[in-house]
C-alpha atoms as a PDB file:
ATOM      1  CA  UNK A   1     -26.423  30.932   0.898  1.00  0.00           C
ATOM      2  CA  UNK A   2     -28.513  32.505  -2.025  1.00  0.00           C
ATOM      3  CA  UNK A   3     -26.001  34.886  -2.546  1.00  0.00           C
ATOM      4  CA  UNK A   4     -28.657  38.105  -2.366  1.00  0.00           C
ATOM      5  CA  UNK A   5     -27.333  41.398  -1.905  1.00  0.00           C
ATOM      6  CA  UNK A   6     -28.839  44.270  -0.201  1.00  0.00           C
ATOM      7  CA  UNK A   7     -29.740  46.193  -3.505  1.00  0.00           C
ATOM      8  CA  UNK A   8     -31.351  42.576  -4.298  1.00  0.00           C
ATOM      9  CA  UNK A   9     -32.920  42.165  -0.905  1.00  0.00           C
ATOM     10  CA  UNK A  10     -34.385  46.069  -1.432  1.00  0.00           C
ATOM     11  CA  UNK A  11     -36.316  45.237  -4.793  1.00  0.00           C
ATOM     12  CA  UNK A  12     -37.772  41.962  -3.417  1.00  0.00           C
ATOM     13  CA  UNK A  13     -38.779  43.986  -0.658  1.00  0.00           C
ATOM     14  CA  UNK A  14     -40.434  46.577  -2.489  1.00  0.00           C
ATOM     15  CA  UNK A  15     -42.328  44.423  -4.821  1.00  0.00           C
ATOM     16  CA  UNK A  16     -43.624  42.770  -1.431  1.00  0.00           C
ATOM     17  CA  UNK A  17     -44.843  45.676  -0.239  1.00  0.00           C
ATOM     18  CA  UNK A  18     -46.823  46.503  -3.893  1.00  0.00           C
ATOM     19  CA  UNK A  19     -47.947  42.986  -3.905  1.00  0.00           C
ATOM     20  CA  UNK A  20     -48.991  42.376  -0.742  1.00  0.00           C
ATOM     21  CA  UNK A  21     -49.518  45.825   0.903  1.00  0.00           C
ATOM     22  CA  UNK A  22     -47.763  47.292   3.787  1.00  0.00           C
ATOM     23  CA  UNK A  23     -50.718  46.437   6.495  1.00  0.00           C
ATOM     24  CA  UNK A  24     -50.076  42.493   5.870  1.00  0.00           C
ATOM     25  CA  UNK A  25     -46.486  42.303   5.168  1.00  0.00           C
ATOM     26  CA  UNK A  26     -45.408  42.103   9.026  1.00  0.00           C
ATOM     27  CA  UNK A  27     -48.120  39.129   8.976  1.00  0.00           C
ATOM     28  CA  UNK A  28     -46.290  37.710   6.534  1.00  0.00           C
ATOM     29  CA  UNK A  29     -42.694  38.331   7.750  1.00  0.00           C
ATOM     30  CA  UNK A  30     -44.057  36.653  10.804  1.00  0.00           C
ATOM     31  CA  UNK A  31     -45.825  33.450   9.102  1.00  0.00           C
ATOM     32  CA  UNK A  32     -42.552  33.003   6.939  1.00  0.00           C
ATOM     33  CA  UNK A  33     -40.389  33.332   9.987  1.00  0.00           C
ATOM     34  CA  UNK A  34     -42.575  30.312  11.980  1.00  0.00           C
ATOM     35  CA  UNK A  35     -42.976  28.534   9.034  1.00  0.00           C
ATOM     36  CA  UNK A  36     -38.663  28.780   8.820  1.00  0.00           C
ATOM     37  CA  UNK A  37     -38.305  27.967  12.053  1.00  0.00           C
ATOM     38  CA  UNK A  38     -40.727  24.649  12.255  1.00  0.00           C
ATOM     39  CA  UNK A  39     -39.171  23.718   9.230  1.00  0.00           C
ATOM     40  CA  UNK A  40     -35.706  23.945  11.177  1.00  0.00           C
ATOM     41  CA  UNK A  41     -36.905  21.924  13.908  1.00  0.00           C
ATOM     42  CA  UNK A  42     -38.312  19.352  11.702  1.00  0.00           C
ATOM     43  CA  UNK A  43     -35.508  19.153  10.208  1.00  0.00           C
ATOM     44  CA  UNK A  44     -33.538  18.688  13.064  1.00  0.00           C
ATOM     45  CA  UNK A  45     -35.707  16.066  14.462  1.00  0.00           C
ATOM     46  CA  UNK A  46     -35.100  14.148  10.986  1.00  0.00           C
ATOM     47  CA  UNK A  47     -31.545  14.330  11.052  1.00  0.00           C
ATOM     48  CA  UNK A  48     -31.198  13.059  14.876  1.00  0.00           C
ATOM     49  CA  UNK A  49     -33.696  10.584  14.408  1.00  0.00           C
ATOM     50  CA  UNK A  50     -31.679   9.037  11.576  1.00  0.00           C
ATOM     51  CA  UNK A  51     -28.389   9.595  13.336  1.00  0.00           C
ATOM     52  CA  UNK A  52     -30.121   7.567  16.140  1.00  0.00           C
ATOM     53  CA  UNK A  53     -30.583   4.885  13.800  1.00  0.00           C
ATOM     54  CA  UNK A  54     -27.296   4.707  12.360  1.00  0.00           C
ATOM     55  CA  UNK A  55     -25.930   4.518  15.043  1.00  0.00           C
ATOM     56  CA  UNK A  56     -28.131   1.563  16.232  1.00  0.00           C
ATOM     57  CA  UNK A  57     -27.329  -0.511  13.559  1.00  0.00           C
ATOM     58  CA  UNK A  58     -23.647   0.094  14.390  1.00  0.00           C
ATOM     59  CA  UNK A  59     -24.227  -1.174  17.141  1.00  0.00           C
ATOM     60  CA  UNK A  60     -25.906  -4.291  15.987  1.00  0.00           C
ATOM     61  CA  UNK A  61     -23.751  -4.815  13.346  1.00  0.00           C
ATOM     62  CA  UNK A  62     -20.489  -4.466  15.467  1.00  0.00           C
ATOM     63  CA  UNK A  63     -18.658  -2.502  12.429  1.00  0.00           C
ATOM     64  CA  UNK A  64     -16.044  -1.483  15.090  1.00  0.00           C
ATOM     65  CA  UNK A  65     -15.032  -5.321  15.483  1.00  0.00           C
ATOM     66  CA  UNK A  66     -15.673  -6.368  11.890  1.00  0.00           C
ATOM     67  CA  UNK A  67     -12.956  -3.568  11.175  1.00  0.00           C
ATOM     68  CA  UNK A  68     -10.788  -4.720  13.650  1.00  0.00           C
ATOM     69  CA  UNK A  69     -11.349  -8.016  12.212  1.00  0.00           C
ATOM     70  CA  UNK A  70     -10.021  -6.661   8.838  1.00  0.00           C
ATOM     71  CA  UNK A  71      -7.567  -4.520   9.830  1.00  0.00           C
ATOM     72  CA  UNK A  72      -5.687  -7.373  11.580  1.00  0.00           C
ATOM     73  CA  UNK A  73      -6.761 -10.061   8.306  1.00  0.00           C
ATOM     74  CA  UNK A  74      -4.902  -7.343   5.952  1.00  0.00           C
ATOM     75  CA  UNK A  75      -2.056  -6.712   8.183  1.00  0.00           C
ATOM     76  CA  UNK A  76       1.213  -8.024   6.614  1.00  0.00           C
ATOM     77  CA  UNK A  77       3.453  -9.400   9.523  1.00  0.00           C
ATOM     78  CA  UNK A  78       6.772  -9.713   8.373  1.00  0.00           C
ATOM     79  CA  UNK A  79       9.131 -10.922  11.036  1.00  0.00           C
ATOM     80  CA  UNK A  80      11.522 -13.008   9.270  1.00  0.00           C
ATOM     81  CA  UNK A  81      15.142 -13.734  11.297  1.00  0.00           C
ATOM     82  CA  UNK A  82      17.721 -13.440   8.879  1.00  0.00           C
ATOM     83  CA  UNK A  83      21.190 -14.167   9.926  1.00  0.00           C
ATOM     84  CA  UNK A  84      24.627 -12.329   8.786  1.00  0.00           C
ATOM     85  CA  UNK A  85      25.598 -15.935   6.656  1.00  0.00           C
ATOM     86  CA  UNK A  86      22.102 -14.839   4.452  1.00  0.00           C
ATOM     87  CA  UNK A  87      22.509 -10.815   4.229  1.00  0.00           C
ATOM     88  CA  UNK A  88      25.941 -11.810   3.123  1.00  0.00           C
ATOM     89  CA  UNK A  89      25.391 -11.701  -0.719  1.00  0.00           C
ATOM     90  CA  UNK A  90      28.700  -9.712  -1.187  1.00  0.00           C
ATOM     91  CA  UNK A  91      30.867 -12.831   0.289  1.00  0.00           C
ATOM     92  CA  UNK A  92      29.037 -15.395  -1.380  1.00  0.00           C
ATOM     93  CA  UNK A  93      29.827 -13.380  -4.943  1.00  0.00           C
ATOM     94  CA  UNK A  94      33.114 -12.830  -4.421  1.00  0.00           C
ATOM     95  CA  UNK A  95      33.630 -16.465  -3.682  1.00  0.00           C
ATOM     96  CA  UNK A  96      31.716 -17.706  -6.583  1.00  0.00           C
ATOM     97  CA  UNK A  97      34.285 -15.503  -8.386  1.00  0.00           C
ATOM     98  CA  UNK A  98      37.394 -17.095  -6.945  1.00  0.00           C
ATOM     99  CA  UNK A  99      35.754 -20.366  -7.955  1.00  0.00           C
ATOM    100  CA  UNK A 100      35.700 -19.483 -11.208  1.00  0.00           C
ATOM    101  CA  UNK A 101      39.204 -17.819 -11.469  1.00  0.00           C
ATOM    102  CA  UNK A 102      40.622 -21.447  -9.943  1.00  0.00           C
END
């Protein structure tokens, strides 16, 4: 996450022991752990509220039906029945050439 290796972590711990003192370090670690847990709990709750609100908005707007309507409206349905006479282009060209030769 922060790309901190073992050596960097040891340096940070050494500085913390010097600045805070060995007696207060466990209390600080406990407070940081509780704070981090509270942060994660709050963030998780906020994320869930946003997801619930988005789902409610999706239901209100009925976005699924809108997507289906848009799909149906933009779908090009080509259903042309062509006969063999329509597809006999080579025969038409050959017939035109015969008429021209005559």
